[in-house]
C-alpha atoms as a PDB file:
ATOM      1  CA  MET A   1       0.000   0.000   0.000  1.00  0.00           C
ATOM      2  CA  ASN A   2       1.316   3.447  -0.853  1.00  0.00           C
ATOM      3  CA  THR A   3       1.619   5.895   1.985  1.00  0.00           C
ATOM      4  CA  PRO A   4       1.856   9.671   1.874  1.00  0.00           C
ATOM      5  CA  SER A   5       5.451   9.857   3.144  1.00  0.00           C
ATOM      6  CA  GLU A   6       6.960  12.436   0.775  1.00  0.00           C
ATOM      7  CA  LEU A   7       7.125  16.111   1.628  1.00  0.00           C
ATOM      8  CA  VAL A   8       3.591  17.260   0.971  1.00  0.00           C
ATOM      9  CA  ASN A   9       2.760  20.779  -0.168  1.00  0.00           C
ATOM     10  CA  THR A  10       1.239  22.571  -3.128  1.00  0.00           C
ATOM     11  CA  ASP A  11       4.555  22.260  -5.015  1.00  0.00           C
ATOM     12  CA  THR A  12       4.610  18.452  -4.770  1.00  0.00           C
ATOM     13  CA  CYS A  13       0.868  17.976  -5.371  1.00  0.00           C
ATOM     14  CA  TYR A  14      -1.751  19.407  -7.700  1.00  0.00           C
ATOM     15  CA  LYS A  15      -5.445  20.082  -7.393  1.00  0.00           C
ATOM     16  CA  ILE A  16      -7.668  17.497  -9.101  1.00  0.00           C
ATOM     17  CA  GLY A  17     -11.117  18.449  -7.829  1.00  0.00           C
ATOM     18  CA  VAL A  18     -13.457  19.728  -5.127  1.00  0.00           C
ATOM     19  CA  ILE A  19     -15.791  17.889  -2.753  1.00  0.00           C
ATOM     20  CA  THR A  20     -19.224  19.330  -3.567  1.00  0.00           C
ATOM     21  CA  ARG A  21     -21.678  17.441  -1.363  1.00  0.00           C
ATOM     22  CA  THR A  22     -22.438  14.270   0.545  1.00  0.00           C
ATOM     23  CA  HIS A  23     -24.092  11.345  -1.202  1.00  0.00           C
ATOM     24  CA  GLY A  24     -26.328   8.907   0.596  1.00  0.00           C
ATOM     25  CA  THR A  25     -26.151   7.981   4.265  1.00  0.00           C
ATOM     26  CA  ARG A  26     -22.955   5.904   4.450  1.00  0.00           C
ATOM     27  CA  GLY A  27     -20.336   8.660   4.181  1.00  0.00           C
ATOM     28  CA  GLU A  28     -19.865   8.914   0.428  1.00  0.00           C
ATOM     29  CA  LEU A  29     -18.805  12.265  -0.985  1.00  0.00           C
ATOM     30  CA  SER A  30     -19.408  13.693  -4.448  1.00  0.00           C
ATOM     31  CA  MET A  31     -16.335  15.218  -6.098  1.00  0.00           C
ATOM     32  CA  ASN A  32     -16.229  17.373  -9.226  1.00  0.00           C
ATOM     33  CA  PHE A  33     -12.880  16.463 -10.765  1.00  0.00           C
ATOM     34  CA  THR A  34     -10.619  17.846 -13.461  1.00  0.00           C
ATOM     35  CA  ASP A  35      -8.307  14.798 -13.504  1.00  0.00           C
ATOM     36  CA  ASP A  36      -9.165  11.157 -12.745  1.00  0.00           C
ATOM     37  CA  VAL A  37      -5.527  10.344 -11.921  1.00  0.00           C
ATOM     38  CA  TRP A  38      -6.373   8.516  -8.670  1.00  0.00           C
ATOM     39  CA  ASP A  39      -8.118   5.883 -10.830  1.00  0.00           C
ATOM     40  CA  ARG A  40      -5.119   5.464 -13.186  1.00  0.00           C
ATOM     41  CA  ALA A  41      -2.401   5.578 -10.520  1.00  0.00           C
ATOM     42  CA  ASP A  42      -1.351   3.029  -7.957  1.00  0.00           C
ATOM     43  CA  ALA A  43      -2.539   5.145  -5.047  1.00  0.00           C
ATOM     44  CA  SER A  44      -4.695   4.426  -2.055  1.00  0.00           C
ATOM     45  CA  TYR A  45      -5.105   8.018  -0.938  1.00  0.00           C
ATOM     46  CA  VAL A  46      -5.688  11.613  -1.994  1.00  0.00           C
ATOM     47  CA  PHE A  47      -5.148  14.815  -0.039  1.00  0.00           C
ATOM     48  CA  LEU A  48      -7.797  17.271   1.113  1.00  0.00           C
ATOM     49  CA  MET A  49      -6.846  20.913   1.656  1.00  0.00           C
ATOM     50  CA  ILE A  50      -7.915  21.674   5.223  1.00  0.00           C
ATOM     51  CA  ASP A  51      -7.081  25.079   6.726  1.00  0.00           C
ATOM     52  CA  GLY A  52      -4.206  25.504   4.254  1.00  0.00           C
ATOM     53  CA  ILE A  53      -2.689  22.076   4.957  1.00  0.00           C
ATOM     54  CA  LEU A  54      -2.821  18.986   2.717  1.00  0.00           C
ATOM     55  CA  VAL A  55      -4.150  16.087   4.794  1.00  0.00           C
ATOM     56  CA  PRO A  56      -4.159  12.473   3.486  1.00  0.00           C
ATOM     57  CA  PHE A  57      -7.480  10.637   3.210  1.00  0.00           C
ATOM     58  CA  PHE A  58      -7.372   6.939   2.399  1.00  0.00           C
ATOM     59  CA  LEU A  59      -9.784   5.704  -0.253  1.00  0.00           C
ATOM     60  CA  GLU A  60     -12.021   2.800   0.668  1.00  0.00           C
ATOM     61  CA  ALA A  61     -13.934   2.856  -2.626  1.00  0.00           C
ATOM     62  CA  TRP A  62     -14.855   5.134  -5.517  1.00  0.00           C
ATOM     63  CA  ARG A  63     -17.029   5.102  -8.604  1.00  0.00           C
ATOM     64  CA  PHE A  64     -17.634   7.426 -11.479  1.00  0.00           C
ATOM     65  CA  ARG A  65     -20.992   9.125 -11.689  1.00  0.00           C
ATOM     66  CA  SER A  66     -20.220  11.059 -14.906  1.00  0.00           C
ATOM     67  CA  ASP A  67     -17.257  12.338 -16.920  1.00  0.00           C
ATOM     68  CA  SER A  68     -16.598  14.987 -14.278  1.00  0.00           C
ATOM     69  CA  VAL A  69     -18.146  13.646 -11.053  1.00  0.00           C
ATOM     70  CA  ALA A  70     -16.990  10.758  -8.877  1.00  0.00           C
ATOM     71  CA  LEU A  71     -18.312   9.378  -5.622  1.00  0.00           C
ATOM     72  CA  LEU A  72     -15.565   8.791  -3.054  1.00  0.00           C
ATOM     73  CA  LYS A  73     -15.729   6.748   0.128  1.00  0.00           C
ATOM     74  CA  PHE A  74     -12.920   7.439   2.599  1.00  0.00           C
ATOM     75  CA  GLN A  75     -11.877   5.096   5.376  1.00  0.00           C
ATOM     76  CA  ASP A  76     -13.421   5.850   8.777  1.00  0.00           C
ATOM     77  CA  ILE A  77     -16.052   8.216   7.358  1.00  0.00           C
ATOM     78  CA  ASP A  78     -19.227   6.180   7.638  1.00  0.00           C
ATOM     79  CA  THR A  79     -22.123   8.612   8.032  1.00  0.00           C
ATOM     80  CA  SER A  80     -23.542  11.527   6.102  1.00  0.00           C
ATOM     81  CA  GLU A  81     -22.946  13.706   9.155  1.00  0.00           C
ATOM     82  CA  SER A  82     -19.232  12.859   9.381  1.00  0.00           C
ATOM     83  CA  ALA A  83     -18.841  13.315   5.612  1.00  0.00           C
ATOM     84  CA  GLN A  84     -20.496  16.764   5.679  1.00  0.00           C
ATOM     85  CA  GLU A  85     -17.407  18.217   7.388  1.00  0.00           C
ATOM     86  CA  TRP A  86     -15.354  17.723   4.194  1.00  0.00           C
ATOM     87  CA  VAL A  87     -17.776  19.346   1.730  1.00  0.00           C
ATOM     88  CA  GLY A  88     -16.068  22.277   0.006  1.00  0.00           C
ATOM     89  CA  CYS A  89     -12.533  20.894   0.436  1.00  0.00           C
ATOM     90  CA  GLU A  90     -10.188  20.840  -2.541  1.00  0.00           C
ATOM     91  CA  VAL A  91      -8.833  17.408  -3.505  1.00  0.00           C
ATOM     92  CA  TRP A  92      -5.112  17.148  -4.355  1.00  0.00           C
ATOM     93  CA  PHE A  93      -2.872  14.406  -5.742  1.00  0.00           C
ATOM     94  CA  PRO A  94       0.939  13.961  -5.513  1.00  0.00           C
ATOM     95  CA  HIS A  95       2.993  14.515  -8.669  1.00  0.00           C
ATOM     96  CA  SER A  96       5.214  11.592  -7.643  1.00  0.00           C
ATOM     97  CA  LEU A  97       2.372   9.082  -8.108  1.00  0.00           C
ATOM     98  CA  THR A  98       1.100  10.489 -11.399  1.00  0.00           C
ATOM     99  CA  PRO A  99       1.655   7.753 -13.986  1.00  0.00           C
ATOM    100  CA  GLU A 100       3.610   8.456 -17.150  1.00  0.00           C
ATOM    101  CA  PRO A 101       2.007   7.342 -20.411  1.00  0.00           C
ATOM    102  CA  ASP A 102       2.951   3.827 -21.565  1.00  0.00           C
ATOM    103  CA  GLY A 103       4.636   3.150 -24.893  1.00  0.00           C
ATOM    104  CA  ASP A 104       2.606   4.686 -27.703  1.00  0.00           C
ATOM    105  CA  GLU A 105       0.098   6.273 -25.323  1.00  0.00           C
ATOM    106  CA  GLU A 106       0.115  10.050 -25.672  1.00  0.00           C
ATOM    107  CA  TYR A 107      -0.047  12.660 -22.969  1.00  0.00           C
ATOM    108  CA  THR A 108      -3.320  14.481 -22.595  1.00  0.00           C
ATOM    109  CA  TRP A 109      -3.329  18.176 -21.758  1.00  0.00           C
ATOM    110  CA  ARG A 110      -4.540  17.248 -18.256  1.00  0.00           C
ATOM    111  CA  HIS A 111      -1.179  15.572 -17.623  1.00  0.00           C
ATOM    112  CA  PHE A 112       0.336  19.051 -17.303  1.00  0.00           C
ATOM    113  CA  THR A 113      -1.854  20.128 -14.372  1.00  0.00           C
ATOM    114  CA  GLY A 114       0.474  21.520 -11.723  1.00  0.00           C
ATOM    115  CA  TRP A 115       3.302  22.302 -14.145  1.00  0.00           C
ATOM    116  CA  THR A 116       4.808  25.793 -14.296  1.00  0.00           C
ATOM    117  CA  VAL A 117       4.309  27.904 -17.423  1.00  0.00           C
ATOM    118  CA  ILE A 118       7.043  30.375 -18.346  1.00  0.00           C
ATOM    119  CA  ASP A 119       6.437  32.754 -21.211  1.00  0.00           C
ATOM    120  CA  GLN A 120       9.307  34.196 -23.249  1.00  0.00           C
ATOM    121  CA  GLU A 121       8.083  37.790 -22.771  1.00  0.00           C
ATOM    122  CA  ALA A 122       5.968  37.761 -19.580  1.00  0.00           C
ATOM    123  CA  GLY A 123       8.147  35.385 -17.533  1.00  0.00           C
ATOM    124  CA  VAL A 124       6.646  32.987 -14.991  1.00  0.00           C
ATOM    125  CA  LEU A 125       2.864  32.895 -15.370  1.00  0.00           C
ATOM    126  CA  GLY A 126       2.365  30.352 -12.568  1.00  0.00           C
ATOM    127  CA  ASN A 127       1.259  26.756 -12.198  1.00  0.00           C
ATOM    128  CA  ILE A 128      -1.529  25.216 -14.253  1.00  0.00           C
ATOM    129  CA  ASP A 129      -4.423  24.973 -11.779  1.00  0.00           C
ATOM    130  CA  HIS A 130      -6.562  22.897 -14.095  1.00  0.00           C
ATOM    131  CA  VAL A 131      -7.209  22.235 -17.753  1.00  0.00           C
ATOM    132  CA  GLU A 132     -10.533  23.347 -19.216  1.00  0.00           C
ATOM    133  CA  ASP A 133     -11.389  20.943 -22.006  1.00  0.00           C
ATOM    134  CA  SER A 134     -15.165  21.167 -22.078  1.00  0.00           C
ATOM    135  CA  THR A 135     -15.064  23.354 -25.189  1.00  0.00           C
ATOM    136  CA  SER A 136     -13.384  22.870 -28.572  1.00  0.00           C
ATOM    137  CA  ASN A 137     -10.441  25.057 -27.450  1.00  0.00           C
ATOM    138  CA  THR A 138      -8.591  23.478 -24.540  1.00  0.00           C
ATOM    139  CA  LEU A 139      -7.288  26.054 -22.049  1.00  0.00           C
ATOM    140  CA  PHE A 140      -4.633  26.042 -19.335  1.00  0.00           C
ATOM    141  CA  CYS A 141      -6.096  27.831 -16.302  1.00  0.00           C
ATOM    142  CA  ILE A 142      -3.266  29.561 -14.454  1.00  0.00           C
ATOM    143  CA  GLY A 143      -4.486  31.850 -11.683  1.00  0.00           C
ATOM    144  CA  GLN A 144      -6.165  34.758 -13.480  1.00  0.00           C
ATOM    145  CA  TYR A 145      -5.005  33.592 -16.926  1.00  0.00           C
ATOM    146  CA  MET A 146      -6.674  31.240 -19.372  1.00  0.00           C
ATOM    147  CA  ILE A 147      -4.274  30.459 -22.193  1.00  0.00           C
ATOM    148  CA  PRO A 148      -4.817  28.098 -25.114  1.00  0.00           C
ATOM    149  CA  ALA A 149      -3.224  24.673 -24.727  1.00  0.00           C
ATOM    150  CA  ASN A 150      -1.859  24.810 -28.229  1.00  0.00           C
ATOM    151  CA  GLU A 151       1.392  23.303 -29.503  1.00  0.00           C
ATOM    152  CA  ALA A 152       1.920  26.377 -31.699  1.00  0.00           C
ATOM    153  CA  PHE A 153       2.469  28.479 -28.537  1.00  0.00           C
ATOM    154  CA  ILE A 154       4.796  26.002 -26.780  1.00  0.00           C
ATOM    155  CA  SER A 155       8.513  26.406 -27.443  1.00  0.00           C
ATOM    156  CA  SER A 156       9.692  23.612 -25.114  1.00  0.00           C
ATOM    157  CA  ILE A 157       8.611  21.222 -22.374  1.00  0.00           C
ATOM    158  CA  ASP A 158      10.968  20.123 -19.588  1.00  0.00           C
ATOM    159  CA  ALA A 159       9.646  17.029 -17.800  1.00  0.00           C
ATOM    160  CA  LYS A 160      12.491  17.075 -15.269  1.00  0.00           C
ATOM    161  CA  THR A 161      11.588  20.546 -13.968  1.00  0.00           C
ATOM    162  CA  ARG A 162       7.886  20.218 -14.880  1.00  0.00           C
ATOM    163  CA  THR A 163       7.917  23.450 -16.891  1.00  0.00           C
ATOM    164  CA  ILE A 164       6.342  24.506 -20.157  1.00  0.00           C
ATOM    165  CA  HIS A 165       7.987  27.383 -22.034  1.00  0.00           C
ATOM    166  CA  THR A 166       5.688  29.416 -24.253  1.00  0.00           C
ATOM    167  CA  ILE A 167       5.812  32.167 -26.828  1.00  0.00           C
ATOM    168  CA  LEU A 168       2.355  33.703 -26.503  1.00  0.00           C
ATOM    169  CA  PRO A 169       0.920  36.138 -29.037  1.00  0.00           C
ATOM    170  CA  GLN A 170       1.163  39.792 -28.032  1.00  0.00           C
ATOM    171  CA  GLY A 171      -1.910  40.908 -26.078  1.00  0.00           C
ATOM    172  CA  LEU A 172      -3.168  37.410 -25.225  1.00  0.00           C
ATOM    173  CA  LEU A 173      -2.598  37.867 -21.494  1.00  0.00           C
ATOM    174  CA  GLU A 174      -4.623  41.090 -21.482  1.00  0.00           C
ATOM    175  CA  LEU A 175      -7.811  39.369 -22.702  1.00  0.00           C
END
């Protein structure tokens, strides 16, 4: 079983969703997610952001309700009342457990959640909070910025430092 032993902070983890409500009477929680990495990775836990601190919660079970909603059941949370306490918490996942694509499998834009974007002119834009792919134009959401996830704007990608270097069109950041 994997355990959350690495140094845990917002640099070593990235946000994958938010707990939106309880579900049923046995402690299940509904999570709106932007990345289903916990299902693809060999991980038995996720982190919840509680009072500015990432706290591990061990998964007992989970199931998908839709393409963007999952029902999570954490260990030792067995009633709707005890689950209610965690509604509104952000859900985070460690970079170290994020699986790399196998063989011919390609990266999706969501793989880059948590990576730092550095523009040639503007400098460091920040970390990719989430990837908006519900429209035909996929966007990297970085703090106040929404920039197109488009290979034409990317000059290089450094997997070792988890950075994406861009050359964005003039005026794009002012939109």
